[in-house]
């Protein structure tokens, strides 16, 4: 079976500068404020949805571990 689903960050419309910033800040450990800034800079709705998914996951982990996000 062929998989036609492309990850939003692998699409050609995502600027190299955005990807470099994403790598630099590491969305899995950066501050909520920095992640919101990155969300605002996202080139399209799919990339924003990807970032929202990270934010949701980090919020759930925060609730379970009782650590601030």
N, C-alpha and C. Protein backbone atom coordinates (compact mmCIF):
# COMPACT_ATOMS: atom_id res chain seq x y z
N UNK A 1 0.84 -1.19 0.00
CA UNK A 1 0.00 0.00 0.00
C UNK A 1 0.88 1.25 0.00
N UNK A 2 0.58 2.16 -0.87
CA UNK A 2 1.36 3.40 -1.00
C UNK A 2 0.78 4.47 -0.08
N UNK A 3 1.64 5.15 0.63
CA UNK A 3 1.22 6.19 1.57
C UNK A 3 1.41 7.56 0.90
N UNK A 4 0.29 8.24 0.62
CA UNK A 4 0.35 9.55 -0.03
C UNK A 4 0.31 10.71 0.97
N UNK A 5 0.36 10.41 2.24
CA UNK A 5 0.30 11.46 3.25
C UNK A 5 1.69 12.06 3.41
N UNK A 6 1.77 13.37 3.30
CA UNK A 6 3.04 14.07 3.44
C UNK A 6 3.02 14.86 4.74
N UNK A 7 4.08 14.75 5.51
CA UNK A 7 4.19 15.52 6.75
C UNK A 7 4.19 17.00 6.40
N UNK A 8 3.46 17.82 7.20
CA UNK A 8 3.37 19.25 6.87
C UNK A 8 4.71 19.96 6.79
N UNK A 9 5.69 19.52 7.54
CA UNK A 9 6.99 20.19 7.51
C UNK A 9 7.83 19.81 6.29
N UNK A 10 7.40 18.79 5.56
CA UNK A 10 8.14 18.37 4.37
C UNK A 10 7.59 18.98 3.09
N UNK A 11 6.58 19.80 3.21
CA UNK A 11 6.00 20.42 2.02
C UNK A 11 6.89 21.55 1.51
N UNK A 12 6.89 21.77 0.21
CA UNK A 12 7.80 22.77 -0.38
C UNK A 12 7.52 24.21 0.03
N UNK A 13 6.32 24.51 0.54
CA UNK A 13 6.01 25.89 0.90
C UNK A 13 6.54 26.29 2.27
N UNK A 14 7.15 25.36 3.01
CA UNK A 14 7.68 25.68 4.33
C UNK A 14 9.10 26.24 4.16
N UNK A 15 9.28 27.51 4.52
CA UNK A 15 10.60 28.15 4.32
C UNK A 15 11.70 27.50 5.16
N UNK A 16 12.88 27.47 4.61
CA UNK A 16 14.04 26.90 5.31
C UNK A 16 14.30 27.64 6.62
N UNK A 17 14.04 28.95 6.64
CA UNK A 17 14.25 29.73 7.86
C UNK A 17 13.31 29.27 8.98
N UNK A 18 12.09 28.93 8.63
CA UNK A 18 11.12 28.44 9.61
C UNK A 18 11.59 27.10 10.18
N UNK A 19 12.04 26.21 9.30
CA UNK A 19 12.51 24.91 9.75
C UNK A 19 13.75 25.04 10.63
N UNK A 20 14.63 25.97 10.29
CA UNK A 20 15.83 26.19 11.10
C UNK A 20 15.44 26.70 12.50
N UNK A 21 14.47 27.59 12.57
CA UNK A 21 14.01 28.11 13.85
C UNK A 21 13.35 26.99 14.67
N UNK A 22 12.58 26.15 14.01
CA UNK A 22 11.94 25.02 14.67
C UNK A 22 13.00 24.10 15.28
N UNK A 23 14.06 23.82 14.53
CA UNK A 23 15.16 22.99 15.05
C UNK A 23 15.88 23.68 16.20
N UNK A 24 16.05 24.98 16.06
CA UNK A 24 16.82 25.73 17.07
C UNK A 24 16.11 25.75 18.41
N UNK A 25 14.80 25.96 18.41
CA UNK A 25 14.09 26.11 19.69
C UNK A 25 13.63 24.79 20.29
N UNK A 26 13.54 23.74 19.50
CA UNK A 26 13.03 22.43 19.91
C UNK A 26 11.65 22.55 20.55
N UNK A 27 10.60 22.39 19.76
CA UNK A 27 9.23 22.61 20.25
C UNK A 27 8.80 21.65 21.36
N UNK A 28 9.55 20.61 21.59
CA UNK A 28 9.19 19.67 22.65
C UNK A 28 9.66 20.13 24.03
N UNK A 29 10.55 21.14 24.06
CA UNK A 29 11.05 21.60 25.36
C UNK A 29 11.04 23.12 25.53
N UNK A 30 10.75 23.87 24.48
CA UNK A 30 10.78 25.33 24.58
C UNK A 30 9.61 25.85 25.43
N UNK A 31 9.64 27.12 25.74
CA UNK A 31 8.57 27.73 26.52
C UNK A 31 7.29 27.81 25.70
N UNK A 32 6.17 27.91 26.41
CA UNK A 32 4.87 28.07 25.74
C UNK A 32 4.88 29.34 24.88
N UNK A 33 5.45 30.41 25.40
CA UNK A 33 5.49 31.67 24.67
C UNK A 33 6.23 31.52 23.35
N UNK A 34 7.35 30.81 23.38
CA UNK A 34 8.13 30.61 22.15
C UNK A 34 7.35 29.76 21.15
N UNK A 35 6.63 28.77 21.65
CA UNK A 35 5.84 27.91 20.78
C UNK A 35 4.68 28.71 20.15
N UNK A 36 4.08 29.60 20.91
CA UNK A 36 3.03 30.46 20.36
C UNK A 36 3.62 31.39 19.29
N UNK A 37 4.81 31.91 19.53
CA UNK A 37 5.48 32.74 18.50
C UNK A 37 5.69 31.94 17.22
N UNK A 38 6.13 30.71 17.37
CA UNK A 38 6.35 29.86 16.21
C UNK A 38 5.04 29.58 15.48
N UNK A 39 3.98 29.36 16.24
CA UNK A 39 2.64 29.17 15.66
C UNK A 39 2.26 30.37 14.80
N UNK A 40 2.51 31.55 15.31
CA UNK A 40 2.16 32.78 14.57
C UNK A 40 2.98 32.95 13.30
N UNK A 41 4.17 32.36 13.27
CA UNK A 41 5.04 32.46 12.09
C UNK A 41 4.81 31.34 11.08
N UNK A 42 3.99 30.37 11.44
CA UNK A 42 3.78 29.20 10.58
C UNK A 42 3.27 29.61 9.20
N UNK A 43 3.79 28.97 8.16
CA UNK A 43 3.44 29.38 6.80
C UNK A 43 2.03 29.00 6.34
N UNK A 44 1.39 28.02 7.01
CA UNK A 44 0.04 27.64 6.58
C UNK A 44 -0.71 26.92 7.70
N UNK A 45 -1.95 26.61 7.44
CA UNK A 45 -2.83 25.99 8.44
C UNK A 45 -2.36 24.61 8.86
N UNK A 46 -1.78 23.86 7.93
CA UNK A 46 -1.31 22.51 8.29
C UNK A 46 -0.14 22.57 9.28
N UNK A 47 0.76 23.49 9.07
CA UNK A 47 1.89 23.63 9.99
C UNK A 47 1.39 24.15 11.34
N UNK A 48 0.43 25.07 11.33
CA UNK A 48 -0.15 25.54 12.58
C UNK A 48 -0.82 24.39 13.33
N UNK A 49 -1.53 23.52 12.61
CA UNK A 49 -2.17 22.37 13.23
C UNK A 49 -1.13 21.43 13.84
N UNK A 50 -0.01 21.25 13.17
CA UNK A 50 1.08 20.44 13.70
C UNK A 50 1.58 21.01 15.02
N UNK A 51 1.75 22.32 15.08
CA UNK A 51 2.22 22.98 16.30
C UNK A 51 1.16 22.88 17.40
N UNK A 52 -0.10 23.02 17.05
CA UNK A 52 -1.18 22.87 18.03
C UNK A 52 -1.15 21.46 18.62
N UNK A 53 -0.86 20.47 17.79
CA UNK A 53 -0.74 19.10 18.29
C UNK A 53 0.36 18.96 19.32
N UNK A 54 1.48 19.61 19.06
CA UNK A 54 2.58 19.60 20.04
C UNK A 54 2.14 20.30 21.32
N UNK A 55 1.46 21.43 21.19
CA UNK A 55 0.99 22.16 22.37
C UNK A 55 0.00 21.32 23.18
N UNK A 56 -0.91 20.63 22.49
CA UNK A 56 -1.87 19.77 23.18
C UNK A 56 -1.17 18.65 23.94
N UNK A 57 -0.20 18.02 23.29
CA UNK A 57 0.54 16.94 23.94
C UNK A 57 1.29 17.45 25.16
N UNK A 58 1.94 18.59 25.01
CA UNK A 58 2.69 19.14 26.14
C UNK A 58 1.77 19.55 27.27
N UNK A 59 0.57 20.04 26.94
CA UNK A 59 -0.41 20.39 27.98
C UNK A 59 -0.85 19.14 28.73
N UNK A 60 -1.11 18.05 28.03
CA UNK A 60 -1.50 16.80 28.69
C UNK A 60 -0.40 16.27 29.59
N UNK A 61 0.83 16.31 29.10
CA UNK A 61 1.96 15.85 29.90
C UNK A 61 2.10 16.73 31.14
N UNK A 62 1.90 18.02 30.97
CA UNK A 62 1.97 18.96 32.09
C UNK A 62 0.93 18.63 33.16
N UNK A 63 -0.27 18.30 32.72
CA UNK A 63 -1.33 17.96 33.67
C UNK A 63 -1.01 16.67 34.42
N UNK A 64 -0.49 15.70 33.73
CA UNK A 64 -0.17 14.41 34.34
C UNK A 64 1.00 14.53 35.31
N UNK A 65 2.03 15.27 34.90
CA UNK A 65 3.24 15.36 35.71
C UNK A 65 3.19 16.50 36.73
N UNK A 66 2.15 17.33 36.63
CA UNK A 66 2.01 18.50 37.49
C UNK A 66 3.18 19.46 37.37
N UNK A 67 3.72 19.53 36.16
CA UNK A 67 4.79 20.48 35.85
C UNK A 67 4.26 21.53 34.90
N UNK A 68 4.70 22.73 35.08
CA UNK A 68 4.20 23.84 34.27
C UNK A 68 4.69 23.75 32.83
N UNK A 69 3.84 24.13 31.92
CA UNK A 69 4.20 24.21 30.51
C UNK A 69 4.13 25.67 30.10
